[in-house]
N, C-alpha and C. Protein backbone atom coordinates (compact mmCIF):
# COMPACT_ATOMS: atom_id res chain seq x y z
N MET A 1 97.20 87.24 93.13
CA MET A 1 96.45 87.86 92.43
C MET A 1 96.56 88.15 91.08
N ALA A 2 97.85 87.63 90.53
CA ALA A 2 98.11 87.64 89.07
C ALA A 2 97.84 86.38 88.38
N GLY A 3 97.28 85.45 89.30
CA GLY A 3 97.18 84.13 88.50
C GLY A 3 95.92 84.25 87.53
N ARG A 4 94.92 85.00 87.74
CA ARG A 4 93.57 85.14 86.80
C ARG A 4 93.50 86.46 86.46
N THR A 5 94.34 87.26 86.80
CA THR A 5 94.10 88.84 86.49
C THR A 5 94.98 89.10 85.20
N HIS A 6 94.20 90.02 84.29
CA HIS A 6 95.06 90.59 83.11
C HIS A 6 96.19 91.08 83.63
N HIS A 7 97.28 90.90 82.61
CA HIS A 7 98.61 91.70 83.10
C HIS A 7 98.60 92.99 83.21
N SER A 8 97.69 93.68 82.36
CA SER A 8 97.61 95.38 82.36
C SER A 8 97.05 95.66 83.75
N VAL A 9 96.16 94.68 84.34
CA VAL A 9 95.34 95.25 85.74
C VAL A 9 96.32 95.17 86.55
N TYR A 10 97.11 93.82 86.64
CA TYR A 10 97.98 93.82 87.67
C TYR A 10 99.40 94.76 87.55
N TYR A 11 99.73 95.04 86.47
CA TYR A 11 100.72 96.34 86.49
C TYR A 11 100.03 97.47 86.86
N ALA A 12 98.98 97.97 86.73
CA ALA A 12 98.13 99.20 86.66
C ALA A 12 98.13 99.10 88.50
N TRP A 13 97.71 97.94 88.96
CA TRP A 13 97.40 97.87 90.40
C TRP A 13 98.90 98.19 91.19
N THR A 14 99.96 97.42 90.52
CA THR A 14 101.33 97.36 91.33
C THR A 14 101.64 98.80 91.28
N VAL A 15 101.68 99.62 89.89
CA VAL A 15 102.38 101.05 90.16
C VAL A 15 101.43 101.96 90.84
N MET A 16 99.94 101.75 91.11
CA MET A 16 99.14 102.30 91.98
C MET A 16 99.86 102.59 93.47
N ARG A 17 99.94 101.10 93.86
CA ARG A 17 100.16 100.90 95.12
C ARG A 17 101.69 101.30 95.36
N MET A 18 102.47 101.20 94.59
CA MET A 18 103.98 101.74 94.82
C MET A 18 103.77 103.20 94.90
N TRP A 19 103.11 103.97 94.12
CA TRP A 19 103.00 105.38 94.24
C TRP A 19 102.26 105.87 95.62
N GLN A 20 101.24 105.14 95.80
CA GLN A 20 100.71 105.41 97.17
C GLN A 20 101.64 105.04 98.51
N SER A 21 102.40 104.08 98.27
CA SER A 21 103.19 103.77 99.25
C SER A 21 104.29 104.89 99.39
N LEU A 22 104.92 105.01 98.39
CA LEU A 22 105.77 106.13 97.99
C LEU A 22 105.65 107.52 98.77
N HIS A 23 104.26 107.89 98.55
CA HIS A 23 103.54 109.30 99.05
C HIS A 23 103.45 109.12 100.52
N GLU A 24 103.10 108.03 101.05
CA GLU A 24 102.76 107.70 102.67
C GLU A 24 104.13 107.97 103.27
N HIS A 25 105.40 107.37 102.61
CA HIS A 25 106.45 107.66 103.30
C HIS A 25 107.44 108.16 103.21
N CYS A 26 107.13 109.25 102.18
CA CYS A 26 108.17 110.58 101.81
C CYS A 26 108.37 111.67 102.76
N GLY A 27 107.14 111.71 103.78
CA GLY A 27 107.21 112.57 105.00
C GLY A 27 106.70 113.84 104.29
N TYR A 28 105.97 114.01 103.04
CA TYR A 28 105.27 115.24 102.70
C TYR A 28 104.02 114.99 102.26
N ASN A 29 103.27 115.98 102.24
CA ASN A 29 101.64 115.75 101.71
C ASN A 29 101.65 116.65 100.57
N PHE A 30 101.99 115.97 99.28
CA PHE A 30 101.73 116.99 98.10
C PHE A 30 100.41 117.09 97.68
N THR A 31 100.59 118.32 96.99
CA THR A 31 98.99 118.77 96.59
C THR A 31 98.69 118.12 95.19
N TRP A 32 99.74 117.70 94.51
CA TRP A 32 99.25 116.88 93.37
C TRP A 32 99.13 115.49 93.10
N ASN A 33 99.19 114.96 94.65
CA ASN A 33 98.95 113.71 94.54
C ASN A 33 97.84 113.27 94.10
N MET A 34 97.30 112.01 93.32
CA MET A 34 96.28 111.69 92.90
C MET A 34 94.99 111.27 93.73
N PHE A 35 95.74 110.72 94.76
CA PHE A 35 94.81 109.95 95.97
C PHE A 35 94.02 110.93 96.83
N ARG A 36 94.35 112.35 96.84
CA ARG A 36 93.89 113.45 97.55
C ARG A 36 92.32 113.48 97.40
N ILE A 37 92.00 113.00 96.06
CA ILE A 37 90.66 113.43 95.83
C ILE A 37 89.66 111.99 96.49
N LEU A 38 90.23 110.84 96.95
CA LEU A 38 89.48 109.97 97.46
C LEU A 38 89.06 110.13 98.73
N PRO A 39 87.93 110.04 99.31
CA PRO A 39 87.26 110.20 100.64
C PRO A 39 88.19 109.33 101.41
N PHE A 40 88.47 109.65 102.97
CA PHE A 40 89.16 108.84 103.99
C PHE A 40 90.53 108.30 103.34
N HIS A 41 91.33 109.16 102.38
CA HIS A 41 92.59 108.64 102.13
C HIS A 41 93.78 109.00 103.26
N LEU A 42 94.65 108.17 103.56
CA LEU A 42 95.28 108.30 104.71
C LEU A 42 96.54 109.11 104.03
N ARG A 43 96.70 110.36 104.82
CA ARG A 43 97.87 111.33 104.69
C ARG A 43 98.88 110.85 105.31
N GLY A 44 100.23 111.61 104.43
CA GLY A 44 101.66 111.16 104.77
C GLY A 44 101.94 111.49 106.23
N ASP A 45 101.40 112.47 106.72
CA ASP A 45 101.68 112.91 108.36
C ASP A 45 100.65 112.04 109.30
N GLU A 46 99.73 111.34 108.94
CA GLU A 46 99.07 110.19 109.81
C GLU A 46 100.17 109.08 109.89
N HIS A 47 100.56 108.66 108.60
CA HIS A 47 101.28 107.46 108.66
C HIS A 47 102.80 108.03 109.22
N ASP A 48 103.35 108.90 109.09
CA ASP A 48 104.41 109.50 109.91
C ASP A 48 104.26 109.32 111.27
N TYR A 49 103.00 109.65 111.79
CA TYR A 49 102.82 109.55 113.27
C TYR A 49 102.88 108.10 113.34
N HIS A 50 102.29 107.35 112.69
CA HIS A 50 102.37 105.78 113.08
C HIS A 50 103.70 105.26 113.33
N HIS A 51 104.63 105.82 112.58
CA HIS A 51 106.11 105.14 112.51
C HIS A 51 106.71 105.76 113.79
N SER A 52 106.51 107.03 113.60
CA SER A 52 107.38 107.85 114.90
C SER A 52 106.56 107.40 116.33
N GLU A 53 105.59 107.28 116.62
CA GLU A 53 104.99 106.62 117.69
C GLU A 53 104.75 105.47 117.92
N ASN A 54 104.53 104.81 117.07
CA ASN A 54 104.37 103.13 116.92
C ASN A 54 102.94 102.94 117.55
N VAL A 55 102.15 103.74 117.42
CA VAL A 55 100.51 103.58 117.79
C VAL A 55 99.62 104.13 116.82
N GLY A 56 98.68 103.55 116.63
CA GLY A 56 97.57 103.91 115.74
C GLY A 56 97.84 104.25 114.50
N SER A 57 96.72 104.67 113.63
CA SER A 57 96.97 105.08 112.24
C SER A 57 97.50 103.78 111.34
N TYR A 58 97.02 102.69 111.39
CA TYR A 58 97.59 101.48 110.93
C TYR A 58 96.98 101.03 109.52
N ALA A 59 96.23 102.36 108.86
CA ALA A 59 95.78 101.94 107.48
C ALA A 59 97.01 102.03 106.28
N SER A 60 96.66 101.13 105.62
CA SER A 60 97.92 101.06 104.50
C SER A 60 97.45 101.91 103.28
N PHE A 61 95.90 102.25 103.32
CA PHE A 61 95.50 103.11 102.03
C PHE A 61 94.29 103.95 102.62
N PHE A 62 93.12 103.21 103.09
CA PHE A 62 92.43 104.20 103.38
C PHE A 62 92.17 104.17 104.98
N LYS A 63 91.83 105.41 105.73
CA LYS A 63 91.71 105.43 107.11
C LYS A 63 90.38 104.95 107.62
N THR A 64 89.69 104.18 106.91
CA THR A 64 88.07 104.12 107.22
C THR A 64 88.18 103.12 108.33
N TRP A 65 88.94 102.29 108.84
CA TRP A 65 88.92 101.25 109.75
C TRP A 65 89.52 101.87 111.08
N ASP A 66 90.35 102.88 110.63
CA ASP A 66 91.35 103.45 112.04
C ASP A 66 90.14 104.51 112.54
N THR A 67 89.11 105.31 111.74
CA THR A 67 88.13 105.80 112.21
C THR A 67 87.09 105.21 112.95
N VAL A 68 86.50 104.15 112.13
CA VAL A 68 85.69 103.23 112.78
C VAL A 68 85.93 102.57 114.27
N PHE A 69 87.17 101.86 114.10
CA PHE A 69 87.50 101.28 115.54
C PHE A 69 88.47 102.26 116.48
N GLY A 70 88.81 103.45 116.11
CA GLY A 70 89.28 104.54 116.86
C GLY A 70 90.63 104.39 117.26
N THR A 71 91.49 103.73 116.34
CA THR A 71 92.62 103.79 116.31
C THR A 71 93.67 104.65 115.75
N ASN A 72 92.93 105.52 115.31
CA ASN A 72 93.58 107.09 115.00
C ASN A 72 93.28 108.13 116.13
N SER A 73 92.72 107.67 117.34
CA SER A 73 92.28 108.89 118.23
C SER A 73 93.55 109.45 118.92
N SER A 74 94.89 108.81 118.96
CA SER A 74 95.87 109.24 119.33
C SER A 74 96.63 109.92 118.44
N TYR A 75 96.52 110.09 117.23
CA TYR A 75 96.91 111.06 116.24
C TYR A 75 96.03 112.24 116.51
N LYS A 76 94.91 112.32 116.37
CA LYS A 76 93.97 113.31 116.42
C LYS A 76 94.26 114.14 117.69
N LYS A 77 94.59 113.46 118.95
CA LYS A 77 94.95 114.17 120.14
C LYS A 77 96.35 114.72 119.95
N HIS A 78 97.18 114.20 119.19
CA HIS A 78 98.56 114.80 118.85
C HIS A 78 98.11 116.13 118.07
N MET A 79 97.50 115.97 116.92
CA MET A 79 97.18 117.31 116.40
C MET A 79 96.46 118.23 116.77
N ALA A 80 95.62 118.07 117.89
CA ALA A 80 94.83 119.13 118.65
C ALA A 80 96.14 119.69 119.56
N ASN A 81 96.62 119.16 120.15
CA ASN A 81 97.65 119.24 120.82
C ASN A 81 98.75 120.66 120.10
N GLN A 82 99.20 119.99 119.00
CA GLN A 82 100.14 120.87 118.11
C GLN A 82 99.09 122.19 117.74
N LEU A 83 97.95 122.23 117.24
CA LEU A 83 97.11 123.36 116.86
C LEU A 83 96.96 124.24 118.01
N GLU A 84 96.81 123.68 119.34
CA GLU A 84 97.03 124.42 120.83
C GLU A 84 98.00 125.16 120.97
N ASN A 85 99.04 124.54 120.62
CA ASN A 85 100.33 125.09 120.91
C ASN A 85 100.89 125.93 119.88
N ASP A 86 100.44 125.95 118.85
CA ASP A 86 100.79 126.69 117.60
C ASP A 86 99.94 128.18 117.63
N SER A 87 98.64 127.94 118.51
CA SER A 87 97.77 129.13 118.50
C SER A 87 98.21 129.90 119.90
N LYS A 88 98.95 129.33 120.94
CA LYS A 88 99.71 129.89 121.84
C LYS A 88 101.01 130.70 121.46
N THR A 89 101.25 130.18 120.58
CA THR A 89 102.67 130.93 120.12
C THR A 89 102.64 132.41 119.29
N LYS A 90 101.44 132.37 118.95
CA LYS A 90 100.96 133.59 117.94
C LYS A 90 100.57 134.58 118.68
């Protein structure tokens, strides 16, 4: 990528990807994260589910393909079960 890319573009891309990776792996969904404005942005809890259950939510940035191919269906079931359990305890 850096072969024909201007240095500023390369560094901007690197910083953006590192920021995004840190956000996904920190275990929190910060409200001030700049990526939240993007449609189909992968949230931190979805990626945490991927690491804890080792299934689904394979996206590294956008969850578009997880939605198209249904690889996030186990996460959706997990969240539905959590919401159901939370509503029963109230």
